[in-house]
Amino acid sequence: MAFLETAKQRYTTKKYNSEEIISEEKIAELKEIVRLSPSSINSQPWKFFFVSKADMKQQLANASYWNAQKINEASHLVVFSALTDIGRFEEQIEKTLPEGSINYYKQFLQPRGESYVRSWMKQQVYLSLGFFLAACAENNIDATPMEGIENELYDEILGLDGYQTLFAVAIGYRHAEDANQPAITAKSRLNLENVVETL
């Protein structure tokens, strides 16, 4: 299983080589991959921002606590946001989803209220995060998922309307001295029997 070896080598990068930039071709591939992320009933309640301009990265880095250095050193920052405008979401699914999916939403999600629907939409964005991190690893691109950011400031900087920042991912290429890479520090995970049960 080739992906098993990829999973063993993937890690959260702590220090990037600021001189090495991801090619436009690879960025275009990552954009298409994240667009193809799975979501419940194919709801796609998200928007992704690929940030490479130095001034914008700097503004976002300043709103990222201890993650600022990673963002400034990384090639790109990808911001994941979720729809918060329920009306806009319902218009979107009416235009794009088959009747069965729309009926599922109306019967099982909508009756639970707007706060439940917003929570459910956020969960879909987290599905896309796992998909994106796997794609980066498969393409030998290093990544750092980050919840340690000032979400409301991100919203202001990006000018979000009807969307809410959930988290960001710095992407690029590791610095040779990054001590967190598996070649230097072994990955730490719970034993298989602690997390997987066969019934």
Protein backbone atom coordinates (compact mmCIF):
# COMPACT_ATOMS: atom_id res chain seq x y z
CA MET A 1 0.00 0.00 0.00
CA ALA A 2 1.86 3.05 -1.27
CA PHE A 3 -0.33 5.47 0.71
CA LEU A 4 0.61 3.71 3.96
CA GLU A 5 4.20 4.79 3.43
CA THR A 6 3.01 8.32 2.67
CA ALA A 7 1.02 8.33 5.93
CA LYS A 8 4.09 7.23 7.86
CA GLN A 9 6.11 10.14 6.47
CA ARG A 10 3.43 12.86 6.73
CA TYR A 11 3.78 15.15 9.74
CA THR A 12 2.86 18.62 10.94
CA THR A 13 5.64 20.86 9.74
CA LYS A 14 7.04 23.34 12.27
CA LYS A 15 9.71 25.08 10.17
CA TYR A 16 9.58 25.83 6.44
CA ASN A 17 12.21 26.60 3.82
CA SER A 18 11.10 30.07 2.78
CA GLU A 19 13.22 29.90 -0.39
CA GLU A 20 11.26 26.99 -1.87
CA ILE A 21 7.93 27.89 -3.46
CA ILE A 22 5.23 25.47 -4.61
CA SER A 23 4.83 25.61 -8.39
CA GLU A 24 1.71 27.15 -9.93
CA GLU A 25 0.99 23.78 -11.53
CA LYS A 26 0.90 22.02 -8.16
CA ILE A 27 -1.19 24.80 -6.61
CA ALA A 28 -3.69 24.44 -9.46
CA GLU A 29 -3.86 20.70 -8.74
CA LEU A 30 -4.43 21.29 -5.03
CA LYS A 31 -7.22 23.75 -5.81
CA GLU A 32 -8.94 21.17 -7.97
CA ILE A 33 -8.40 18.43 -5.38
CA VAL A 34 -9.93 20.46 -2.55
CA ARG A 35 -12.84 21.35 -4.83
CA LEU A 36 -13.46 17.60 -5.18
CA SER A 37 -13.55 17.03 -1.40
CA PRO A 38 -16.36 14.80 -0.11
CA SER A 39 -19.25 16.24 1.90
CA SER A 40 -22.55 14.91 3.21
CA ILE A 41 -25.22 14.95 0.45
CA ASN A 42 -22.59 16.74 -1.67
CA SER A 43 -23.52 19.91 0.22
CA GLN A 44 -20.17 21.72 -0.30
CA PRO A 45 -20.86 24.52 2.25
CA TRP A 46 -17.37 26.00 1.96
CA LYS A 47 -14.93 28.37 0.37
CA PHE A 48 -11.14 28.01 0.25
CA PHE A 49 -8.66 30.88 -0.01
CA PHE A 50 -5.15 30.24 -1.36
CA VAL A 51 -2.96 33.10 -0.15
CA SER A 52 0.53 33.68 -1.57
CA LYS A 53 0.87 37.47 -1.67
CA ALA A 54 3.38 38.54 0.95
CA ASP A 55 1.35 41.45 2.34
CA MET A 56 -1.79 39.38 2.78
CA LYS A 57 0.17 36.51 4.32
CA GLN A 58 1.77 38.98 6.73
CA GLN A 59 -1.62 40.34 7.80
CA LEU A 60 -2.94 36.84 8.41
CA ALA A 61 0.28 35.83 10.17
CA ASN A 62 -0.19 38.76 12.55
CA ALA A 63 -3.59 37.27 13.44
CA SER A 64 -2.17 33.81 14.09
CA TYR A 65 -0.52 33.86 17.53
CA TRP A 66 2.42 31.41 17.70
CA ASN A 67 1.79 30.25 14.12
CA ALA A 68 2.97 33.52 12.57
CA GLN A 69 6.48 32.33 11.71
CA LYS A 70 5.21 29.20 9.95
CA ILE A 71 2.87 31.28 7.80
CA ASN A 72 5.55 33.79 6.85
CA GLU A 73 8.01 31.02 5.94
CA ALA A 74 5.55 28.78 4.10
CA SER A 75 4.93 29.03 0.38
CA HIS A 76 1.16 29.49 0.71
CA LEU A 77 -1.55 29.73 3.33
CA VAL A 78 -4.89 28.05 2.65
CA VAL A 79 -7.85 29.34 4.65
CA PHE A 80 -10.89 27.08 5.07
CA SER A 81 -14.24 28.77 5.66
CA ALA A 82 -17.81 27.56 6.13
CA LEU A 83 -21.06 29.10 4.97
CA THR A 84 -22.97 30.82 7.76
CA ASP A 85 -25.76 32.27 5.61
CA ILE A 86 -28.46 29.60 5.76
CA GLY A 87 -30.52 31.28 3.04
CA ARG A 88 -27.57 31.30 0.66
CA PHE A 89 -26.86 27.66 1.45
CA GLU A 90 -30.45 26.63 0.76
CA GLU A 91 -30.42 28.51 -2.56
CA GLN A 92 -27.19 26.72 -3.47
CA ILE A 93 -28.49 23.22 -2.80
CA GLU A 94 -31.77 23.94 -4.59
CA LYS A 95 -29.74 24.75 -7.71
CA THR A 96 -27.12 22.00 -7.48
CA LEU A 97 -28.46 18.94 -5.64
CA PRO A 98 -30.86 16.20 -6.72
CA GLU A 99 -34.31 15.99 -5.17
CA GLY A 100 -33.37 13.17 -2.78
CA SER A 101 -30.53 15.19 -1.23
CA ILE A 102 -32.70 18.28 -0.88
CA ASN A 103 -35.41 16.20 0.79
CA TYR A 104 -32.84 14.78 3.22
CA TYR A 105 -31.84 18.31 4.20
CA LYS A 106 -35.45 19.43 4.62
CA GLN A 107 -36.53 16.34 6.59
CA PHE A 108 -33.52 15.63 8.82
CA LEU A 109 -31.41 18.80 9.11
CA GLN A 110 -33.55 21.90 8.61
CA PRO A 111 -36.11 20.98 11.33
CA ARG A 112 -33.32 20.94 13.95
CA GLY A 113 -32.76 24.65 13.59
CA GLU A 114 -30.18 27.03 12.15
CA SER A 115 -27.55 26.46 14.87
CA TYR A 116 -27.61 22.72 14.14
CA VAL A 117 -27.34 23.31 10.39
CA ARG A 118 -24.38 25.68 10.87
CA SER A 119 -22.63 23.10 13.06
CA TRP A 120 -23.28 20.42 10.44
CA MET A 121 -21.85 22.66 7.70
CA LYS A 122 -18.67 23.19 9.72
CA GLN A 123 -18.26 19.43 10.02
CA GLN A 124 -18.23 19.16 6.23
CA VAL A 125 -15.32 21.60 6.04
CA TYR A 126 -13.34 19.40 8.44
CA LEU A 127 -13.90 16.50 6.03
CA SER A 128 -12.20 18.58 3.35
CA LEU A 129 -9.24 19.21 5.67
CA GLY A 130 -8.42 15.50 5.91
CA PHE A 131 -8.76 15.14 2.15
CA PHE A 132 -6.49 18.15 1.57
CA LEU A 133 -3.77 17.01 4.00
CA ALA A 134 -3.70 13.58 2.35
CA ALA A 135 -3.38 15.21 -1.08
CA CYS A 136 -0.49 17.39 0.10
CA ALA A 137 1.34 14.39 1.52
CA GLU A 138 0.80 12.39 -1.67
CA ASN A 139 2.31 15.29 -3.64
CA ASN A 140 5.31 15.66 -1.31
CA ILE A 141 4.06 19.01 -0.05
CA ASP A 142 4.42 19.70 3.66
CA ALA A 143 1.50 21.11 5.61
CA THR A 144 0.57 22.57 9.00
CA PRO A 145 -3.12 22.64 9.95
CA MET A 146 -3.81 25.47 12.39
CA GLU A 147 -6.75 26.33 14.62
CA GLY A 148 -4.54 28.74 16.56
CA ILE A 149 -5.69 31.82 14.67
CA GLU A 150 -7.89 34.85 15.36
CA ASN A 151 -10.88 33.76 13.28
CA GLU A 152 -12.77 37.06 13.34
CA LEU A 153 -9.68 38.98 12.24
CA TYR A 154 -9.22 36.50 9.40
CA ASP A 155 -12.82 37.18 8.36
CA GLU A 156 -12.11 40.93 8.31
CA ILE A 157 -8.84 40.63 6.41
CA LEU A 158 -10.38 38.33 3.79
CA GLY A 159 -13.57 40.39 3.60
CA LEU A 160 -15.81 37.40 4.21
CA ASP A 161 -19.55 37.84 3.74
CA GLY A 162 -21.81 34.91 4.62
CA TYR A 163 -18.78 32.74 5.45
CA GLN A 164 -16.75 32.15 8.61
CA THR A 165 -13.08 31.20 8.91
CA LEU A 166 -12.63 27.85 10.67
CA PHE A 167 -8.92 27.12 10.35
CA ALA A 168 -5.93 27.57 8.06
CA VAL A 169 -3.23 25.33 6.59
CA ALA A 170 0.30 26.52 5.85
CA ILE A 171 1.81 24.60 2.92
CA GLY A 172 5.29 24.50 1.47
CA TYR A 173 8.50 22.54 1.90
CA ARG A 174 10.15 21.68 5.18
CA HIS A 175 13.37 23.26 6.37
CA ALA A 176 16.18 20.71 6.62
CA GLU A 177 16.48 21.54 10.33
CA ASP A 178 12.80 21.05 11.17
CA ALA A 179 13.07 18.85 14.26
CA ASN A 180 9.49 17.60 13.96
CA GLN A 181 10.08 15.59 10.78
CA PRO A 182 9.91 11.78 11.23
CA ALA A 183 13.54 11.33 10.20
CA ILE A 184 14.52 13.29 13.33
CA THR A 185 11.63 12.76 15.74
CA ALA A 186 9.68 9.52 15.51
CA LYS A 187 5.92 9.87 15.02
CA SER A 188 3.88 9.26 18.16
CA ARG A 189 0.52 7.52 17.82
CA LEU A 190 -1.58 5.29 20.06
CA ASN A 191 -1.22 1.57 19.45
CA LEU A 192 -3.54 0.02 16.86
CA GLU A 193 -5.42 -2.01 19.47
CA ASN A 194 -6.23 1.19 21.36
CA VAL A 195 -7.95 2.89 18.44
CA VAL A 196 -9.21 0.15 16.10
CA GLU A 197 -11.59 -2.64 17.07
CA THR A 198 -12.62 -5.49 14.79
CA LEU A 199 -16.17 -6.79 15.38
